[in-house]
Amino acid sequence: MSIERIEPGKRLSQAVAYGNLVFLAGQVAQDKPGASMAEQTRNVLDRIDALLAQAGTDKSKILSANIWITDMRQFAEMNEVWDAWVPPGCAPARATVEARLASPDYCVEIMVVAAR
């Protein structure tokens, strides 16, 4: 089996596919820095959709998700967008924690692993 690197960079690849698994790097709202939690979450999920498509899969095949948010008081706002995005019956295993992110412009980062 070969390793497929999607959008590789010097430090990381945005996604890596190996066999029937796809591992995404943590995604932030690069198009919406400083926006609300809901807007940033939508932007991140759009990015995840695009990367999964490049890897030949989609959000219905997400196995696990790790979510980092900068303020747990915004947990419900993030969940509202997440819940509307996840297809019925396809909720992955998931963890959400409060953390300081690499830039204060971002309030959410999401990393997923999916099957293809």
PDB file of N, CA and C in Angstrom:
ATOM      1  N   MET A   1       0.836  -1.184   0.000  1.00  0.00           N
ATOM      2  CA  MET A   1       0.000   0.000   0.000  1.00  0.00           C
ATOM      3  C   MET A   1       0.876   1.241   0.000  1.00  0.00           C
ATOM      4  N   SER A   2       0.433   2.208  -0.766  1.00  0.00           N
ATOM      5  CA  SER A   2       1.195   3.454  -0.808  1.00  0.00           C
ATOM      6  C   SER A   2       0.531   4.506   0.082  1.00  0.00           C
ATOM      7  N   ILE A   3       1.326   5.484   0.454  1.00  0.00           N
ATOM      8  CA  ILE A   3       0.852   6.608   1.249  1.00  0.00           C
ATOM      9  C   ILE A   3       0.572   7.761   0.296  1.00  0.00           C
ATOM     10  N   GLU A   4      -0.620   8.325   0.392  1.00  0.00           N
ATOM     11  CA  GLU A   4      -1.009   9.465  -0.442  1.00  0.00           C
ATOM     12  C   GLU A   4      -1.081  10.706   0.438  1.00  0.00           C
ATOM     13  N   ARG A   5      -0.291  11.713   0.110  1.00  0.00           N
ATOM     14  CA  ARG A   5      -0.281  12.966   0.877  1.00  0.00           C
ATOM     15  C   ARG A   5      -1.038  14.028   0.081  1.00  0.00           C
ATOM     16  N   ILE A   6      -2.030  14.602   0.714  1.00  0.00           N
ATOM     17  CA  ILE A   6      -2.891  15.596   0.074  1.00  0.00           C
ATOM     18  C   ILE A   6      -2.520  16.973   0.602  1.00  0.00           C
ATOM     19  N   GLU A   7      -2.252  17.887  -0.329  1.00  0.00           N
ATOM     20  CA  GLU A   7      -1.796  19.232   0.006  1.00  0.00           C
ATOM     21  C   GLU A   7      -0.611  19.191   0.973  1.00  0.00           C
ATOM     22  N   PRO A   8       0.466  18.505   0.552  1.00  0.00           N
ATOM     23  CA  PRO A   8       1.636  18.420   1.428  1.00  0.00           C
ATOM     24  C   PRO A   8       2.363  19.763   1.518  1.00  0.00           C
ATOM     25  N   GLY A   9       2.913  20.008   2.671  1.00  0.00           N
ATOM     26  CA  GLY A   9       3.706  21.203   2.896  1.00  0.00           C
ATOM     27  C   GLY A   9       5.005  20.828   3.561  1.00  0.00           C
ATOM     28  N   LYS A  10       5.773  21.821   3.924  1.00  0.00           N
ATOM     29  CA  LYS A  10       7.064  21.586   4.575  1.00  0.00           C
ATOM     30  C   LYS A  10       6.888  20.930   5.942  1.00  0.00           C
ATOM     31  N   ARG A  11       5.877  21.393   6.705  1.00  0.00           N
ATOM     32  CA  ARG A  11       5.689  20.934   8.074  1.00  0.00           C
ATOM     33  C   ARG A  11       4.639  19.830   8.204  1.00  0.00           C
ATOM     34  N   LEU A  12       3.604  19.879   7.356  1.00  0.00           N
ATOM     35  CA  LEU A  12       2.526  18.902   7.477  1.00  0.00           C
ATOM     36  C   LEU A  12       1.779  18.778   6.166  1.00  0.00           C
ATOM     37  N   SER A  13       1.067  17.685   6.019  1.00  0.00           N
ATOM     38  CA  SER A  13       0.131  17.499   4.906  1.00  0.00           C
ATOM     39  C   SER A  13      -1.260  17.757   5.464  1.00  0.00           C
ATOM     40  N   GLN A  14      -2.122  18.352   4.661  1.00  0.00           N
ATOM     41  CA  GLN A  14      -3.480  18.614   5.132  1.00  0.00           C
ATOM     42  C   GLN A  14      -4.266  17.319   5.338  1.00  0.00           C
ATOM     43  N   ALA A  15      -3.909  16.288   4.580  1.00  0.00           N
ATOM     44  CA  ALA A  15      -4.519  14.963   4.764  1.00  0.00           C
ATOM     45  C   ALA A  15      -3.525  13.920   4.297  1.00  0.00           C
ATOM     46  N   VAL A  16      -3.620  12.738   4.899  1.00  0.00           N
ATOM     47  CA  VAL A  16      -2.802  11.596   4.495  1.00  0.00           C
ATOM     48  C   VAL A  16      -3.717  10.391   4.405  1.00  0.00           C
ATOM     49  N   ALA A  17      -3.688   9.734   3.257  1.00  0.00           N
ATOM     50  CA  ALA A  17      -4.494   8.527   3.061  1.00  0.00           C
ATOM     51  C   ALA A  17      -3.564   7.326   3.007  1.00  0.00           C
ATOM     52  N   TYR A  18      -3.978   6.278   3.699  1.00  0.00           N
ATOM     53  CA  TYR A  18      -3.220   5.027   3.708  1.00  0.00           C
ATOM     54  C   TYR A  18      -4.238   3.896   3.748  1.00  0.00           C
ATOM     55  N   GLY A  19      -4.241   3.085   2.722  1.00  0.00           N
ATOM     56  CA  GLY A  19      -5.232   2.016   2.659  1.00  0.00           C
ATOM     57  C   GLY A  19      -6.624   2.616   2.637  1.00  0.00           C
ATOM     58  N   ASN A  20      -7.464   2.155   3.529  1.00  0.00           N
ATOM     59  CA  ASN A  20      -8.844   2.635   3.591  1.00  0.00           C
ATOM     60  C   ASN A  20      -9.052   3.713   4.647  1.00  0.00           C
ATOM     61  N   LEU A  21      -7.966   4.319   5.125  1.00  0.00           N
ATOM     62  CA  LEU A  21      -8.073   5.360   6.147  1.00  0.00           C
ATOM     63  C   LEU A  21      -7.549   6.695   5.624  1.00  0.00           C
ATOM     64  N   VAL A  22      -8.204   7.767   6.063  1.00  0.00           N
ATOM     65  CA  VAL A  22      -7.787   9.127   5.728  1.00  0.00           C
ATOM     66  C   VAL A  22      -7.670   9.911   7.026  1.00  0.00           C
ATOM     67  N   PHE A  23      -6.501  10.490   7.241  1.00  0.00           N
ATOM     68  CA  PHE A  23      -6.203  11.274   8.442  1.00  0.00           C
ATOM     69  C   PHE A  23      -6.074  12.741   8.043  1.00  0.00           C
ATOM     70  N   LEU A  24      -6.906  13.594   8.609  1.00  0.00           N
ATOM     71  CA  LEU A  24      -6.804  15.022   8.324  1.00  0.00           C
ATOM     72  C   LEU A  24      -6.020  15.722   9.419  1.00  0.00           C
ATOM     73  N   ALA A  25      -5.242  16.707   9.017  1.00  0.00           N
ATOM     74  CA  ALA A  25      -4.591  17.591   9.983  1.00  0.00           C
ATOM     75  C   ALA A  25      -5.671  18.455  10.623  1.00  0.00           C
ATOM     76  N   GLY A  26      -5.359  19.051  11.746  1.00  0.00           N
ATOM     77  CA  GLY A  26      -6.303  19.972  12.366  1.00  0.00           C
ATOM     78  C   GLY A  26      -6.594  21.122  11.419  1.00  0.00           C
ATOM     79  N   GLN A  27      -7.869  21.413  11.225  1.00  0.00           N
ATOM     80  CA  GLN A  27      -8.284  22.464  10.306  1.00  0.00           C
ATOM     81  C   GLN A  27      -8.825  23.653  11.083  1.00  0.00           C
ATOM     82  N   VAL A  28      -8.393  24.837  10.686  1.00  0.00           N
ATOM     83  CA  VAL A  28      -8.890  26.081  11.269  1.00  0.00           C
ATOM     84  C   VAL A  28      -9.565  26.900  10.166  1.00  0.00           C
ATOM     85  N   ALA A  29     -10.263  27.940  10.557  1.00  0.00           N
ATOM     86  CA  ALA A  29     -11.024  28.766   9.615  1.00  0.00           C
ATOM     87  C   ALA A  29     -10.111  29.775   8.923  1.00  0.00           C
ATOM     88  N   GLN A  30      -9.275  29.293   8.028  1.00  0.00           N
ATOM     89  CA  GLN A  30      -8.328  30.169   7.339  1.00  0.00           C
ATOM     90  C   GLN A  30      -9.020  31.279   6.561  1.00  0.00           C
ATOM     91  N   ASP A  31     -10.256  31.031   6.109  1.00  0.00           N
ATOM     92  CA  ASP A  31     -11.000  32.042   5.356  1.00  0.00           C
ATOM     93  C   ASP A  31     -11.806  32.977   6.256  1.00  0.00           C
ATOM     94  N   LYS A  32     -11.860  32.684   7.556  1.00  0.00           N
ATOM     95  CA  LYS A  32     -12.699  33.457   8.477  1.00  0.00           C
ATOM     96  C   LYS A  32     -11.994  33.786   9.797  1.00  0.00           C
ATOM     97  N   PRO A  33     -10.728  34.191   9.780  1.00  0.00           N
ATOM     98  CA  PRO A  33     -10.078  34.521  11.057  1.00  0.00           C
ATOM     99  C   PRO A  33     -10.824  35.657  11.748  1.00  0.00           C
ATOM    100  N   GLY A  34     -11.015  35.504  13.045  1.00  0.00           N
ATOM    101  CA  GLY A  34     -11.687  36.540  13.816  1.00  0.00           C
ATOM    102  C   GLY A  34     -13.202  36.500  13.746  1.00  0.00           C
ATOM    103  N   ALA A  35     -13.775  35.602  12.951  1.00  0.00           N
ATOM    104  CA  ALA A  35     -15.234  35.503  12.825  1.00  0.00           C
ATOM    105  C   ALA A  35     -15.830  34.794  14.044  1.00  0.00           C
ATOM    106  N   SER A  36     -17.138  34.712  14.089  1.00  0.00           N
ATOM    107  CA  SER A  36     -17.826  34.063  15.204  1.00  0.00           C
ATOM    108  C   SER A  36     -17.537  32.562  15.216  1.00  0.00           C
ATOM    109  N   MET A  37     -17.836  31.926  16.335  1.00  0.00           N
ATOM    110  CA  MET A  37     -17.658  30.481  16.458  1.00  0.00           C
ATOM    111  C   MET A  37     -18.451  29.753  15.369  1.00  0.00           C
ATOM    112  N   ALA A  38     -19.696  30.157  15.136  1.00  0.00           N
ATOM    113  CA  ALA A  38     -20.531  29.493  14.127  1.00  0.00           C
ATOM    114  C   ALA A  38     -19.919  29.645  12.734  1.00  0.00           C
ATOM    115  N   GLU A  39     -19.499  30.858  12.381  1.00  0.00           N
ATOM    116  CA  GLU A  39     -18.904  31.083  11.059  1.00  0.00           C
ATOM    117  C   GLU A  39     -17.608  30.300  10.898  1.00  0.00           C
ATOM    118  N   GLN A  40     -16.769  30.311  11.923  1.00  0.00           N
ATOM    119  CA  GLN A  40     -15.515  29.559  11.827  1.00  0.00           C
ATOM    120  C   GLN A  40     -15.786  28.062  11.739  1.00  0.00           C
ATOM    121  N   THR A  41     -16.735  27.561  12.504  1.00  0.00           N
ATOM    122  CA  THR A  41     -17.043  26.132  12.455  1.00  0.00           C
ATOM    123  C   THR A  41     -17.525  25.746  11.056  1.00  0.00           C
ATOM    124  N   ARG A  42     -18.425  26.541  10.468  1.00  0.00           N
ATOM    125  CA  ARG A  42     -18.893  26.258   9.100  1.00  0.00           C
ATOM    126  C   ARG A  42     -17.725  26.246   8.119  1.00  0.00           C
ATOM    127  N   ASN A  43     -16.813  27.213   8.255  1.00  0.00           N
ATOM    128  CA  ASN A  43     -15.664  27.291   7.364  1.00  0.00           C
ATOM    129  C   ASN A  43     -14.762  26.063   7.497  1.00  0.00           C
ATOM    130  N   VAL A  44     -14.525  25.641   8.730  1.00  0.00           N
ATOM    131  CA  VAL A  44     -13.703  24.447   8.969  1.00  0.00           C
ATOM    132  C   VAL A  44     -14.384  23.215   8.379  1.00  0.00           C
ATOM    133  N   LEU A  45     -15.680  23.073   8.580  1.00  0.00           N
ATOM    134  CA  LEU A  45     -16.385  21.898   8.066  1.00  0.00           C
ATOM    135  C   LEU A  45     -16.418  21.886   6.537  1.00  0.00           C
ATOM    136  N   ASP A  46     -16.511  23.060   5.915  1.00  0.00           N
ATOM    137  CA  ASP A  46     -16.402  23.130   4.453  1.00  0.00           C
ATOM    138  C   ASP A  46     -15.035  22.643   3.999  1.00  0.00           C
ATOM    139  N   ARG A  47     -14.013  23.044   4.709  1.00  0.00           N
ATOM    140  CA  ARG A  47     -12.640  22.614   4.389  1.00  0.00           C
ATOM    141  C   ARG A  47     -12.498  21.109   4.554  1.00  0.00           C
ATOM    142  N   ILE A  48     -13.075  20.561   5.616  1.00  0.00           N
ATOM    143  CA  ILE A  48     -13.036  19.114   5.833  1.00  0.00           C
ATOM    144  C   ILE A  48     -13.754  18.396   4.688  1.00  0.00           C
ATOM    145  N   ASP A  49     -14.920  18.896   4.282  1.00  0.00           N
ATOM    146  CA  ASP A  49     -15.627  18.300   3.136  1.00  0.00           C
ATOM    147  C   ASP A  49     -14.735  18.254   1.900  1.00  0.00           C
ATOM    148  N   ALA A  50     -14.046  19.350   1.625  1.00  0.00           N
ATOM    149  CA  ALA A  50     -13.193  19.429   0.437  1.00  0.00           C
ATOM    150  C   ALA A  50     -12.018  18.458   0.516  1.00  0.00           C
ATOM    151  N   LEU A  51     -11.369  18.385   1.671  1.00  0.00           N
ATOM    152  CA  LEU A  51     -10.235  17.461   1.821  1.00  0.00           C
ATOM    153  C   LEU A  51     -10.681  16.006   1.735  1.00  0.00           C
ATOM    154  N   LEU A  52     -11.807  15.685   2.348  1.00  0.00           N
ATOM    155  CA  LEU A  52     -12.305  14.309   2.262  1.00  0.00           C
ATOM    156  C   LEU A  52     -12.635  13.951   0.816  1.00  0.00           C
ATOM    157  N   ALA A  53     -13.216  14.884   0.072  1.00  0.00           N
ATOM    158  CA  ALA A  53     -13.520  14.632  -1.345  1.00  0.00           C
ATOM    159  C   ALA A  53     -12.235  14.367  -2.130  1.00  0.00           C
ATOM    160  N   GLN A  54     -11.190  15.148  -1.851  1.00  0.00           N
ATOM    161  CA  GLN A  54      -9.908  14.920  -2.537  1.00  0.00           C
ATOM    162  C   GLN A  54      -9.360  13.525  -2.247  1.00  0.00           C
ATOM    163  N   ALA A  55      -9.671  13.003  -1.080  1.00  0.00           N
ATOM    164  CA  ALA A  55      -9.183  11.682  -0.675  1.00  0.00           C
ATOM    165  C   ALA A  55     -10.134  10.560  -1.095  1.00  0.00           C
ATOM    166  N   GLY A  56     -11.249  10.909  -1.731  1.00  0.00           N
ATOM    167  CA  GLY A  56     -12.172   9.894  -2.216  1.00  0.00           C
ATOM    168  C   GLY A  56     -13.152   9.393  -1.168  1.00  0.00           C
ATOM    169  N   THR A  57     -13.523  10.260  -0.226  1.00  0.00           N
ATOM    170  CA  THR A  57     -14.479   9.873   0.812  1.00  0.00           C
ATOM    171  C   THR A  57     -15.350  11.075   1.154  1.00  0.00           C
ATOM    172  N   ASP A  58     -16.154  10.955   2.201  1.00  0.00           N
ATOM    173  CA  ASP A  58     -17.023  12.060   2.599  1.00  0.00           C
ATOM    174  C   ASP A  58     -17.343  11.977   4.091  1.00  0.00           C
ATOM    175  N   LYS A  59     -18.064  12.976   4.565  1.00  0.00           N
ATOM    176  CA  LYS A  59     -18.338  13.100   6.006  1.00  0.00           C
ATOM    177  C   LYS A  59     -19.156  11.953   6.570  1.00  0.00           C
ATOM    178  N   SER A  60     -19.863  11.216   5.751  1.00  0.00           N
ATOM    179  CA  SER A  60     -20.632  10.069   6.259  1.00  0.00           C
ATOM    180  C   SER A  60     -19.729   8.928   6.705  1.00  0.00           C
ATOM    181  N   LYS A  61     -18.449   9.019   6.351  1.00  0.00           N
ATOM    182  CA  LYS A  61     -17.500   7.955   6.689  1.00  0.00           C
ATOM    183  C   LYS A  61     -16.482   8.389   7.749  1.00  0.00           C
ATOM    184  N   ILE A  62     -16.751   9.505   8.426  1.00  0.00           N
ATOM    185  CA  ILE A  62     -15.851   9.943   9.492  1.00  0.00           C
ATOM    186  C   ILE A  62     -15.964   8.974  10.664  1.00  0.00           C
ATOM    187  N   LEU A  63     -14.815   8.494  11.108  1.00  0.00           N
ATOM    188  CA  LEU A  63     -14.751   7.549  12.226  1.00  0.00           C
ATOM    189  C   LEU A  63     -14.587   8.246  13.563  1.00  0.00           C
ATOM    190  N   SER A  64     -13.741   9.262  13.588  1.00  0.00           N
ATOM    191  CA  SER A  64     -13.495   9.986  14.833  1.00  0.00           C
ATOM    192  C   SER A  64     -13.193  11.449  14.535  1.00  0.00           C
ATOM    193  N   ALA A  65     -13.471  12.286  15.528  1.00  0.00           N
ATOM    194  CA  ALA A  65     -13.196  13.719  15.418  1.00  0.00           C
ATOM    195  C   ALA A  65     -12.653  14.222  16.744  1.00  0.00           C
ATOM    196  N   ASN A  66     -11.644  15.061  16.662  1.00  0.00           N
ATOM    197  CA  ASN A  66     -11.115  15.783  17.824  1.00  0.00           C
ATOM    198  C   ASN A  66     -11.371  17.259  17.562  1.00  0.00           C
ATOM    199  N   ILE A  67     -11.985  17.926  18.528  1.00  0.00           N
ATOM    200  CA  ILE A  67     -12.328  19.332  18.376  1.00  0.00           C
ATOM    201  C   ILE A  67     -11.713  20.108  19.531  1.00  0.00           C
ATOM    202  N   TRP A  68     -11.050  21.201  19.177  1.00  0.00           N
ATOM    203  CA  TRP A  68     -10.490  22.103  20.175  1.00  0.00           C
ATOM    204  C   TRP A  68     -11.195  23.431  20.016  1.00  0.00           C
ATOM    205  N   ILE A  69     -11.729  23.973  21.112  1.00  0.00           N
ATOM    206  CA  ILE A  69     -12.326  25.302  21.093  1.00  0.00           C
ATOM    207  C   ILE A  69     -11.669  26.138  22.185  1.00  0.00           C
ATOM    208  N   THR A  70     -11.638  27.440  21.950  1.00  0.00           N
ATOM    209  CA  THR A  70     -10.920  28.307  22.879  1.00  0.00           C
ATOM    210  C   THR A  70     -11.749  28.708  24.091  1.00  0.00           C
ATOM    211  N   ASP A  71     -13.064  28.484  24.025  1.00  0.00           N
ATOM    212  CA  ASP A  71     -13.926  28.896  25.133  1.00  0.00           C
ATOM    213  C   ASP A  71     -15.131  27.965  25.204  1.00  0.00           C
ATOM    214  N   MET A  72     -15.223  27.184  26.272  1.00  0.00           N
ATOM    215  CA  MET A  72     -16.324  26.228  26.424  1.00  0.00           C
ATOM    216  C   MET A  72     -17.690  26.911  26.494  1.00  0.00           C
ATOM    217  N   ARG A  73     -17.711  28.211  26.743  1.00  0.00           N
ATOM    218  CA  ARG A  73     -18.990  28.914  26.726  1.00  0.00           C
ATOM    219  C   ARG A  73     -19.578  28.959  25.311  1.00  0.00           C
ATOM    220  N   GLN A  74     -18.754  28.668  24.304  1.00  0.00           N
ATOM    221  CA  GLN A  74     -19.212  28.642  22.908  1.00  0.00           C
ATOM    222  C   GLN A  74     -19.465  27.215  22.407  1.00  0.00           C
ATOM    223  N   PHE A  75     -19.446  26.264  23.312  1.00  0.00           N
ATOM    224  CA  PHE A  75     -19.645  24.850  22.971  1.00  0.00           C
ATOM    225  C   PHE A  75     -20.977  24.626  22.250  1.00  0.00           C
ATOM    226  N   ALA A  76     -22.051  25.198  22.767  1.00  0.00           N
ATOM    227  CA  ALA A  76     -23.376  25.006  22.151  1.00  0.00           C
ATOM    228  C   ALA A  76     -23.433  25.613  20.751  1.00  0.00           C
ATOM    229  N   GLU A  77     -22.797  26.764  20.558  1.00  0.00           N
ATOM    230  CA  GLU A  77     -22.779  27.411  19.240  1.00  0.00           C
ATOM    231  C   GLU A  77     -22.056  26.536  18.216  1.00  0.00           C
ATOM    232  N   MET A  78     -20.919  25.966  18.615  1.00  0.00           N
ATOM    233  CA  MET A  78     -20.186  25.059  17.723  1.00  0.00           C
ATOM    234  C   MET A  78     -21.026  23.818  17.444  1.00  0.00           C
ATOM    235  N   ASN A  79     -21.640  23.249  18.494  1.00  0.00           N
ATOM    236  CA  ASN A  79     -22.434  22.029  18.330  1.00  0.00           C
ATOM    237  C   ASN A  79     -23.629  22.227  17.409  1.00  0.00           C
ATOM    238  N   GLU A  80     -24.232  23.401  17.423  1.00  0.00           N
ATOM    239  CA  GLU A  80     -25.372  23.660  16.540  1.00  0.00           C
ATOM    240  C   GLU A  80     -24.969  23.509  15.073  1.00  0.00           C
ATOM    241  N   VAL A  81     -23.803  24.046  14.717  1.00  0.00           N
ATOM    242  CA  VAL A  81     -23.307  23.933  13.342  1.00  0.00           C
ATOM    243  C   VAL A  81     -22.897  22.487  13.056  1.00  0.00           C
ATOM    244  N   TRP A  82     -22.190  21.872  13.986  1.00  0.00           N
ATOM    245  CA  TRP A  82     -21.752  20.477  13.835  1.00  0.00           C
ATOM    246  C   TRP A  82     -22.945  19.551  13.619  1.00  0.00           C
ATOM    247  N   ASP A  83     -23.971  19.688  14.472  1.00  0.00           N
ATOM    248  CA  ASP A  83     -25.132  18.801  14.402  1.00  0.00           C
ATOM    249  C   ASP A  83     -25.867  18.927  13.071  1.00  0.00           C
ATOM    250  N   ALA A  84     -25.924  20.131  12.510  1.00  0.00           N
ATOM    251  CA  ALA A  84     -26.568  20.330  11.206  1.00  0.00           C
ATOM    252  C   ALA A  84     -25.737  19.740  10.074  1.00  0.00           C
ATOM    253  N   TRP A  85     -24.442  19.596  10.279  1.00  0.00           N
ATOM    254  CA  TRP A  85     -23.517  19.116   9.235  1.00  0.00           C
ATOM    255  C   TRP A  85     -23.422  17.598   9.201  1.00  0.00           C
ATOM    256  N   VAL A  86     -23.433  16.937  10.344  1.00  0.00           N
ATOM    257  CA  VAL A  86     -23.255  15.480  10.404  1.00  0.00           C
ATOM    258  C   VAL A  86     -24.513  14.793   9.867  1.00  0.00           C
ATOM    259  N   PRO A  87     -24.352  13.888   8.888  1.00  0.00           N
ATOM    260  CA  PRO A  87     -25.523  13.185   8.363  1.00  0.00           C
ATOM    261  C   PRO A  87     -26.193  12.330   9.453  1.00  0.00           C
ATOM    262  N   PRO A  88     -27.518  12.253   9.450  1.00  0.00           N
ATOM    263  CA  PRO A  88     -28.221  11.433  10.445  1.00  0.00           C
ATOM    264  C   PRO A  88     -27.677  10.004  10.461  1.00  0.00           C
ATOM    265  N   GLY A  89     -27.452   9.501  11.663  1.00  0.00           N
ATOM    266  CA  GLY A  89     -26.957   8.138  11.825  1.00  0.00           C
ATOM    267  C   GLY A  89     -25.470   7.964  11.586  1.00  0.00           C
ATOM    268  N   CYS A  90     -24.741   9.057  11.339  1.00  0.00           N
ATOM    269  CA  CYS A  90     -23.313   8.959  11.004  1.00  0.00           C
ATOM    270  C   CYS A  90     -22.416   9.684  12.003  1.00  0.00           C
ATOM    271  N   ALA A  91     -22.890   9.927  13.207  1.00  0.00           N
ATOM    272  CA  ALA A  91     -22.071  10.634  14.195  1.00  0.00           C
ATOM    273  C   ALA A  91     -20.827   9.805  14.529  1.00  0.00           C
ATOM    274  N   PRO A  92     -19.641  10.423  14.422  1.00  0.00           N
ATOM    275  CA  PRO A  92     -18.405   9.701  14.741  1.00  0.00           C
ATOM    276  C   PRO A  92     -18.138   9.691  16.249  1.00  0.00           C
ATOM    277  N   ALA A  93     -17.166   8.904  16.662  1.00  0.00           N
ATOM    278  CA  ALA A  93     -16.624   9.050  18.012  1.00  0.00           C
ATOM    279  C   ALA A  93     -16.008  10.452  18.051  1.00  0.00           C
ATOM    280  N   ARG A  94     -16.160  11.149  19.178  1.00  0.00           N
ATOM    281  CA  ARG A  94     -15.730  12.543  19.196  1.00  0.00           C
ATOM    282  C   ARG A  94     -15.290  12.979  20.586  1.00  0.00           C
ATOM    283  N   ALA A  95     -14.304  13.860  20.612  1.00  0.00           N
ATOM    284  CA  ALA A  95     -13.889  14.512  21.849  1.00  0.00           C
ATOM    285  C   ALA A  95     -13.790  16.004  21.574  1.00  0.00           C
ATOM    286  N   THR A  96     -14.186  16.808  22.550  1.00  0.00           N
ATOM    287  CA  THR A  96     -14.057  18.264  22.439  1.00  0.00           C
ATOM    288  C   THR A  96     -13.415  18.776  23.719  1.00  0.00           C
ATOM    289  N   VAL A  97     -12.373  19.575  23.564  1.00  0.00           N
ATOM    290  CA  VAL A  97     -11.685  20.137  24.720  1.00  0.00           C
ATOM    291  C   VAL A  97     -11.453  21.628  24.513  1.00  0.00           C
ATOM    292  N   GLU A  98     -11.290  22.335  25.612  1.00  0.00           N
ATOM    293  CA  GLU A  98     -10.931  23.743  25.559  1.00  0.00           C
ATOM    294  C   GLU A  98      -9.408  23.845  25.515  1.00  0.00           C
ATOM    295  N   ALA A  99      -8.920  24.670  24.595  1.00  0.00           N
ATOM    296  CA  ALA A  99      -7.469  24.815  24.443  1.00  0.00           C
ATOM    297  C   ALA A  99      -7.141  26.164  23.816  1.00  0.00           C
ATOM    298  N   ARG A 100      -5.935  26.626  24.064  1.00  0.00           N
ATOM    299  CA  ARG A 100      -5.440  27.807  23.367  1.00  0.00           C
ATOM    300  C   ARG A 100      -4.924  27.338  22.014  1.00  0.00           C
ATOM    301  N   LEU A 101      -5.353  27.985  20.946  1.00  0.00           N
ATOM    302  CA  LEU A 101      -4.926  27.605  19.603  1.00  0.00           C
ATOM    303  C   LEU A 101      -3.697  28.414  19.192  1.00  0.00           C
ATOM    304  N   ALA A 102      -3.101  28.055  18.065  1.00  0.00           N
ATOM    305  CA  ALA A 102      -1.846  28.663  17.625  1.00  0.00           C
ATOM    306  C   ALA A 102      -1.970  30.163  17.361  1.00  0.00           C
ATOM    307  N   SER A 103      -3.173  30.619  16.989  1.00  0.00           N
ATOM    308  CA  SER A 103      -3.392  32.044  16.735  1.00  0.00           C
ATOM    309  C   SER A 103      -4.665  32.487  17.448  1.00  0.00           C
ATOM    310  N   PRO A 104      -4.655  33.666  18.040  1.00  0.00           N
ATOM    311  CA  PRO A 104      -5.870  34.158  18.694  1.00  0.00           C
ATOM    312  C   PRO A 104      -6.991  34.484  17.704  1.00  0.00           C
ATOM    313  N   ASP A 105      -6.709  34.465  16.408  1.00  0.00           N
ATOM    314  CA  ASP A 105      -7.730  34.698  15.382  1.00  0.00           C
ATOM    315  C   ASP A 105      -8.693  33.523  15.244  1.00  0.00           C
ATOM    316  N   TYR A 106      -8.301  32.371  15.766  1.00  0.00           N
ATOM    317  CA  TYR A 106      -9.107  31.168  15.602  1.00  0.00           C
ATOM    318  C   TYR A 106      -9.718  30.739  16.923  1.00  0.00           C
ATOM    319  N   CYS A 107     -10.979  30.277  16.864  1.00  0.00           N
ATOM    320  CA  CYS A 107     -11.657  29.817  18.072  1.00  0.00           C
ATOM    321  C   CYS A 107     -12.013  28.334  18.011  1.00  0.00           C
ATOM    322  N   VAL A 108     -11.763  27.680  16.875  1.00  0.00           N
ATOM    323  CA  VAL A 108     -12.069  26.253  16.745  1.00  0.00           C
ATOM    324  C   VAL A 108     -11.077  25.602  15.785  1.00  0.00           C
ATOM    325  N   GLU A 109     -10.693  24.382  16.126  1.00  0.00           N
ATOM    326  CA  GLU A 109      -9.848  23.553  15.255  1.00  0.00           C
ATOM    327  C   GLU A 109     -10.419  22.143  15.309  1.00  0.00           C
ATOM    328  N   ILE A 110     -10.527  21.509  14.138  1.00  0.00           N
ATOM    329  CA  ILE A 110     -11.119  20.169  14.059  1.00  0.00           C
ATOM    330  C   ILE A 110     -10.213  19.258  13.249  1.00  0.00           C
ATOM    331  N   MET A 111     -10.004  18.067  13.771  1.00  0.00           N
ATOM    332  CA  MET A 111      -9.214  17.032  13.097  1.00  0.00           C
ATOM    333  C   MET A 111     -10.074  15.769  13.028  1.00  0.00           C
ATOM    334  N   VAL A 112     -10.117  15.126  11.858  1.00  0.00           N
ATOM    335  CA  VAL A 112     -10.922  13.908  11.717  1.00  0.00           C
ATOM    336  C   VAL A 112     -10.103  12.778  11.094  1.00  0.00           C
ATOM    337  N   VAL A 113     -10.593  11.563  11.331  1.00  0.00           N
ATOM    338  CA  VAL A 113     -10.110  10.358  10.664  1.00  0.00           C
ATOM    339  C   VAL A 113     -11.337   9.749  10.004  1.00  0.00           C
ATOM    340  N   ALA A 114     -11.202   9.369   8.735  1.00  0.00           N
ATOM    341  CA  ALA A 114     -12.331   8.801   8.000  1.00  0.00           C
ATOM    342  C   ALA A 114     -11.920   7.534   7.263  1.00  0.00           C
ATOM    343  N   ALA A 115     -12.913   6.721   6.981  1.00  0.00           N
ATOM    344  CA  ALA A 115     -12.723   5.547   6.116  1.00  0.00           C
ATOM    345  C   ALA A 115     -13.000   5.977   4.677  1.00  0.00           C
ATOM    346  N   ARG A 116     -12.494   5.185   3.729  1.00  0.00           N
ATOM    347  CA  ARG A 116     -12.876   5.452   2.336  1.00  0.00           C
ATOM    348  C   ARG A 116     -13.189   4.156   1.643  1.00  0.00           C
TER     349      ARG A 116
END
